[in-house]
Amino acid sequence: MAEMSQEQLEAAMGLIINSGNAKSDAMEAIQAAKSGDFGLADEKLATASQSLVEAHHAQTNLLKEEASGNNMTVTLLAVHSQDHLMTSMTFNDLAKEVIDIYRRLDAE
């Protein structure tokens, strides 16, 4: 049975952890905007964006390794980590839109 290398495992876990943090911060940003705290909402969005940058670094490391000929064993964990990243990116984009709606409602 093929296994992931330690570096691949760490990269996959980095994707999962940072993507999860980004999604949680984006959800907290929405909740802050819902209660009218747009300063906190902006802070949480900034933190979410930084977590996504970290997740992208982990993904880039995996891509560089594969591009240099060190193919990654595709495992459920590897697929799960990519799923986390894509879901978090989408959720972050949607959170920005929801917060914009709350800002407009608050301005009325």
N, C-alpha and C. Protein backbone atom coordinates (compact mmCIF):
# COMPACT_ATOMS: atom_id res chain seq x y z
N MET A 1 0.84 -1.18 0.00
CA MET A 1 0.00 0.00 0.00
C MET A 1 0.88 1.24 0.00
N ALA A 2 0.64 2.16 -0.95
CA ALA A 2 1.42 3.38 -1.05
C ALA A 2 0.97 4.37 0.01
N GLU A 3 1.93 5.11 0.52
CA GLU A 3 1.64 6.08 1.56
C GLU A 3 2.21 7.44 1.17
N MET A 4 1.69 8.46 1.80
CA MET A 4 2.20 9.81 1.60
C MET A 4 3.52 9.95 2.36
N SER A 5 4.42 10.77 1.80
CA SER A 5 5.65 11.08 2.53
C SER A 5 5.30 11.99 3.70
N GLN A 6 6.23 12.14 4.63
CA GLN A 6 6.01 13.01 5.78
C GLN A 6 5.75 14.45 5.32
N GLU A 7 6.50 14.91 4.31
CA GLU A 7 6.30 16.28 3.81
C GLU A 7 4.92 16.43 3.17
N GLN A 8 4.49 15.42 2.43
CA GLN A 8 3.16 15.47 1.82
C GLN A 8 2.07 15.47 2.88
N LEU A 9 2.26 14.65 3.90
CA LEU A 9 1.30 14.61 4.99
C LEU A 9 1.20 15.96 5.69
N GLU A 10 2.36 16.57 5.96
CA GLU A 10 2.37 17.88 6.62
C GLU A 10 1.71 18.94 5.74
N ALA A 11 1.95 18.88 4.44
CA ALA A 11 1.33 19.84 3.53
C ALA A 11 -0.19 19.66 3.50
N ALA A 12 -0.64 18.41 3.44
CA ALA A 12 -2.08 18.13 3.44
C ALA A 12 -2.72 18.61 4.74
N MET A 13 -2.06 18.37 5.85
CA MET A 13 -2.61 18.83 7.13
C MET A 13 -2.60 20.35 7.20
N GLY A 14 -1.58 20.98 6.64
CA GLY A 14 -1.53 22.45 6.57
C GLY A 14 -2.70 23.00 5.78
N LEU A 15 -3.02 22.32 4.68
CA LEU A 15 -4.18 22.72 3.89
C LEU A 15 -5.46 22.62 4.72
N ILE A 16 -5.64 21.52 5.39
CA ILE A 16 -6.86 21.30 6.17
C ILE A 16 -6.97 22.30 7.31
N ILE A 17 -5.90 22.47 8.06
CA ILE A 17 -5.93 23.36 9.23
C ILE A 17 -6.16 24.80 8.80
N ASN A 18 -5.37 25.29 7.85
CA ASN A 18 -5.50 26.68 7.44
C ASN A 18 -6.81 26.95 6.73
N SER A 19 -7.27 26.01 5.92
CA SER A 19 -8.56 26.18 5.25
C SER A 19 -9.70 26.20 6.27
N GLY A 20 -9.62 25.33 7.25
CA GLY A 20 -10.64 25.30 8.30
C GLY A 20 -10.65 26.59 9.10
N ASN A 21 -9.46 27.11 9.41
CA ASN A 21 -9.37 28.38 10.12
C ASN A 21 -9.99 29.50 9.29
N ALA A 22 -9.71 29.50 7.99
CA ALA A 22 -10.26 30.54 7.11
C ALA A 22 -11.78 30.49 7.09
N LYS A 23 -12.32 29.30 6.99
CA LYS A 23 -13.78 29.16 6.95
C LYS A 23 -14.40 29.61 8.27
N SER A 24 -13.80 29.24 9.38
CA SER A 24 -14.31 29.64 10.70
C SER A 24 -14.27 31.16 10.85
N ASP A 25 -13.16 31.78 10.44
CA ASP A 25 -13.05 33.24 10.54
C ASP A 25 -14.05 33.93 9.63
N ALA A 26 -14.29 33.38 8.46
CA ALA A 26 -15.28 33.97 7.55
C ALA A 26 -16.68 33.88 8.15
N MET A 27 -16.98 32.78 8.81
CA MET A 27 -18.28 32.64 9.46
C MET A 27 -18.40 33.64 10.62
N GLU A 28 -17.33 33.80 11.38
CA GLU A 28 -17.35 34.79 12.46
C GLU A 28 -17.49 36.20 11.91
N ALA A 29 -16.93 36.46 10.74
CA ALA A 29 -17.06 37.77 10.10
C ALA A 29 -18.52 38.04 9.75
N ILE A 30 -19.20 37.03 9.23
CA ILE A 30 -20.62 37.19 8.90
C ILE A 30 -21.42 37.48 10.18
N GLN A 31 -21.15 36.74 11.23
CA GLN A 31 -21.88 36.94 12.49
C GLN A 31 -21.62 38.34 13.05
N ALA A 32 -20.38 38.81 12.93
CA ALA A 32 -20.07 40.17 13.40
C ALA A 32 -20.83 41.20 12.60
N ALA A 33 -20.86 41.04 11.28
CA ALA A 33 -21.60 41.97 10.43
C ALA A 33 -23.08 41.92 10.74
N LYS A 34 -23.59 40.74 11.00
CA LYS A 34 -25.02 40.58 11.32
C LYS A 34 -25.39 41.39 12.56
N SER A 35 -24.45 41.47 13.50
CA SER A 35 -24.74 42.25 14.72
C SER A 35 -24.25 43.69 14.61
N GLY A 36 -23.82 44.10 13.41
CA GLY A 36 -23.45 45.49 13.18
C GLY A 36 -22.02 45.86 13.47
N ASP A 37 -21.18 44.90 13.83
CA ASP A 37 -19.78 45.17 14.15
C ASP A 37 -18.92 44.96 12.89
N PHE A 38 -18.91 45.96 12.03
CA PHE A 38 -18.22 45.84 10.75
C PHE A 38 -16.70 45.91 10.90
N GLY A 39 -16.22 46.54 11.95
CA GLY A 39 -14.79 46.54 12.22
C GLY A 39 -14.29 45.13 12.49
N LEU A 40 -15.02 44.42 13.35
CA LEU A 40 -14.66 43.03 13.65
C LEU A 40 -14.82 42.16 12.42
N ALA A 41 -15.88 42.41 11.65
CA ALA A 41 -16.09 41.64 10.41
C ALA A 41 -14.89 41.80 9.48
N ASP A 42 -14.40 43.02 9.33
CA ASP A 42 -13.24 43.26 8.47
C ASP A 42 -11.98 42.57 9.01
N GLU A 43 -11.82 42.61 10.33
CA GLU A 43 -10.67 41.93 10.95
C GLU A 43 -10.72 40.42 10.68
N LYS A 44 -11.90 39.85 10.86
CA LYS A 44 -12.06 38.40 10.65
C LYS A 44 -11.84 38.03 9.19
N LEU A 45 -12.31 38.88 8.26
CA LEU A 45 -12.05 38.61 6.84
C LEU A 45 -10.57 38.68 6.52
N ALA A 46 -9.87 39.62 7.14
CA ALA A 46 -8.42 39.74 6.93
C ALA A 46 -7.70 38.50 7.46
N THR A 47 -8.13 38.02 8.61
CA THR A 47 -7.53 36.82 9.19
C THR A 47 -7.83 35.60 8.31
N ALA A 48 -9.05 35.54 7.81
CA ALA A 48 -9.43 34.44 6.91
C ALA A 48 -8.56 34.47 5.65
N SER A 49 -8.35 35.65 5.11
CA SER A 49 -7.52 35.77 3.91
C SER A 49 -6.09 35.32 4.18
N GLN A 50 -5.56 35.66 5.34
CA GLN A 50 -4.20 35.24 5.68
C GLN A 50 -4.12 33.72 5.81
N SER A 51 -5.14 33.12 6.39
CA SER A 51 -5.16 31.65 6.49
C SER A 51 -5.21 31.01 5.11
N LEU A 52 -5.96 31.62 4.20
CA LEU A 52 -6.01 31.09 2.83
C LEU A 52 -4.66 31.22 2.14
N VAL A 53 -3.93 32.29 2.42
CA VAL A 53 -2.58 32.44 1.87
C VAL A 53 -1.68 31.31 2.38
N GLU A 54 -1.78 31.01 3.66
CA GLU A 54 -1.00 29.91 4.23
C GLU A 54 -1.38 28.58 3.60
N ALA A 55 -2.67 28.38 3.39
CA ALA A 55 -3.12 27.15 2.75
C ALA A 55 -2.58 27.06 1.32
N HIS A 56 -2.58 28.18 0.63
CA HIS A 56 -2.04 28.20 -0.74
C HIS A 56 -0.55 27.85 -0.75
N HIS A 57 0.18 28.31 0.27
CA HIS A 57 1.60 27.96 0.36
C HIS A 57 1.77 26.45 0.47
N ALA A 58 0.94 25.82 1.29
CA ALA A 58 1.01 24.36 1.44
C ALA A 58 0.69 23.69 0.12
N GLN A 59 -0.32 24.19 -0.58
CA GLN A 59 -0.69 23.61 -1.87
C GLN A 59 0.43 23.81 -2.89
N THR A 60 1.03 24.98 -2.89
CA THR A 60 2.13 25.27 -3.82
C THR A 60 3.30 24.33 -3.57
N ASN A 61 3.58 24.04 -2.31
CA ASN A 61 4.66 23.10 -2.01
C ASN A 61 4.37 21.72 -2.59
N LEU A 62 3.12 21.29 -2.50
CA LEU A 62 2.75 20.00 -3.09
C LEU A 62 2.90 20.03 -4.61
N LEU A 63 2.48 21.12 -5.22
CA LEU A 63 2.58 21.24 -6.68
C LEU A 63 4.03 21.29 -7.14
N LYS A 64 4.87 22.00 -6.41
CA LYS A 64 6.29 22.07 -6.75
C LYS A 64 6.93 20.70 -6.67
N GLU A 65 6.58 19.97 -5.62
CA GLU A 65 7.14 18.63 -5.44
C GLU A 65 6.74 17.72 -6.59
N GLU A 66 5.49 17.80 -6.99
CA GLU A 66 5.03 16.97 -8.10
C GLU A 66 5.67 17.40 -9.41
N ALA A 67 5.82 18.71 -9.61
CA ALA A 67 6.44 19.21 -10.84
C ALA A 67 7.89 18.78 -10.95
N SER A 68 8.54 18.55 -9.82
CA SER A 68 9.93 18.11 -9.85
C SER A 68 10.06 16.59 -9.97
N GLY A 69 8.92 15.91 -10.18
CA GLY A 69 8.97 14.47 -10.41
C GLY A 69 8.62 13.61 -9.22
N ASN A 70 8.38 14.23 -8.07
CA ASN A 70 7.99 13.48 -6.87
C ASN A 70 6.48 13.43 -6.78
N ASN A 71 5.89 12.50 -7.51
CA ASN A 71 4.44 12.40 -7.56
C ASN A 71 3.87 12.04 -6.20
N MET A 72 2.75 12.65 -5.89
CA MET A 72 2.08 12.42 -4.63
C MET A 72 1.14 11.23 -4.76
N THR A 73 1.13 10.40 -3.76
CA THR A 73 0.17 9.33 -3.71
C THR A 73 -1.19 9.94 -3.40
N VAL A 74 -2.16 9.67 -4.26
CA VAL A 74 -3.48 10.24 -4.04
C VAL A 74 -4.19 9.39 -2.98
N THR A 75 -4.42 10.03 -1.85
CA THR A 75 -5.10 9.38 -0.74
C THR A 75 -6.38 10.15 -0.44
N LEU A 76 -7.22 9.57 0.37
CA LEU A 76 -8.42 10.26 0.80
C LEU A 76 -8.05 11.55 1.52
N LEU A 77 -6.99 11.53 2.30
CA LEU A 77 -6.53 12.72 3.02
C LEU A 77 -6.11 13.82 2.04
N ALA A 78 -5.42 13.45 0.97
CA ALA A 78 -5.00 14.44 -0.02
C ALA A 78 -6.20 15.07 -0.70
N VAL A 79 -7.17 14.25 -1.08
CA VAL A 79 -8.38 14.76 -1.72
C VAL A 79 -9.16 15.63 -0.73
N HIS A 80 -9.25 15.19 0.50
CA HIS A 80 -9.95 15.93 1.55
C HIS A 80 -9.31 17.31 1.75
N SER A 81 -8.00 17.37 1.72
CA SER A 81 -7.32 18.64 1.93
C SER A 81 -7.62 19.62 0.80
N GLN A 82 -7.66 19.14 -0.42
CA GLN A 82 -8.00 20.00 -1.55
C GLN A 82 -9.46 20.45 -1.47
N ASP A 83 -10.32 19.55 -1.05
CA ASP A 83 -11.73 19.90 -0.88
C ASP A 83 -11.90 21.00 0.15
N HIS A 84 -11.17 20.89 1.26
CA HIS A 84 -11.22 21.93 2.29
C HIS A 84 -10.81 23.28 1.73
N LEU A 85 -9.73 23.29 0.96
CA LEU A 85 -9.25 24.55 0.40
C LEU A 85 -10.29 25.18 -0.52
N MET A 86 -10.82 24.41 -1.44
CA MET A 86 -11.77 24.96 -2.41
C MET A 86 -13.06 25.42 -1.71
N THR A 87 -13.53 24.65 -0.75
CA THR A 87 -14.73 25.04 -0.01
C THR A 87 -14.50 26.33 0.76
N SER A 88 -13.35 26.44 1.39
CA SER A 88 -13.04 27.64 2.18
C SER A 88 -12.89 28.87 1.29
N MET A 89 -12.29 28.70 0.13
CA MET A 89 -12.16 29.82 -0.80
C MET A 89 -13.55 30.31 -1.23
N THR A 90 -14.41 29.38 -1.56
CA THR A 90 -15.76 29.73 -1.98
C THR A 90 -16.53 30.39 -0.83
N PHE A 91 -16.41 29.82 0.35
CA PHE A 91 -17.11 30.36 1.51
C PHE A 91 -16.62 31.77 1.83
N ASN A 92 -15.33 32.00 1.72
CA ASN A 92 -14.75 33.32 1.98
C ASN A 92 -15.31 34.35 0.99
N ASP A 93 -15.39 33.97 -0.27
CA ASP A 93 -15.95 34.88 -1.28
C ASP A 93 -17.42 35.19 -0.97
N LEU A 94 -18.17 34.17 -0.60
CA LEU A 94 -19.57 34.37 -0.27
C LEU A 94 -19.73 35.22 0.99
N ALA A 95 -18.86 35.03 1.96
CA ALA A 95 -18.91 35.83 3.20
C ALA A 95 -18.75 37.32 2.88
N LYS A 96 -17.86 37.64 1.97
CA LYS A 96 -17.66 39.04 1.58
C LYS A 96 -18.94 39.63 1.01
N GLU A 97 -19.65 38.85 0.21
CA GLU A 97 -20.90 39.31 -0.38
C GLU A 97 -21.98 39.49 0.68
N VAL A 98 -22.08 38.55 1.60
CA VAL A 98 -23.08 38.63 2.66
C VAL A 98 -22.80 39.85 3.54
N ILE A 99 -21.54 40.08 3.86
CA ILE A 99 -21.18 41.23 4.68
C ILE A 99 -21.50 42.53 3.96
N ASP A 100 -21.29 42.56 2.66
CA ASP A 100 -21.65 43.74 1.88
C ASP A 100 -23.15 44.02 1.97
N ILE A 101 -23.96 42.97 1.93
CA ILE A 101 -25.42 43.14 2.07
C ILE A 101 -25.76 43.71 3.45
N TYR A 102 -25.10 43.17 4.50
CA TYR A 102 -25.36 43.70 5.84
C TYR A 102 -24.95 45.16 5.94
N ARG A 103 -23.85 45.54 5.30
CA ARG A 103 -23.42 46.95 5.30
C ARG A 103 -24.49 47.83 4.65
N ARG A 104 -25.02 47.37 3.54
CA ARG A 104 -26.05 48.16 2.84
C ARG A 104 -27.31 48.28 3.68
N LEU A 105 -27.70 47.19 4.31
CA LEU A 105 -28.88 47.24 5.18
C LEU A 105 -28.66 48.17 6.36
N ASP A 106 -27.46 48.17 6.90
CA ASP A 106 -27.13 49.01 8.05
C ASP A 106 -27.12 50.49 7.65
N ALA A 107 -26.77 50.78 6.42
CA ALA A 107 -26.69 52.17 5.94
C ALA A 107 -28.06 52.78 5.70
N GLU A 108 -29.07 51.93 5.58
CA GLU A 108 -30.43 52.44 5.29
C GLU A 108 -31.11 53.02 6.49
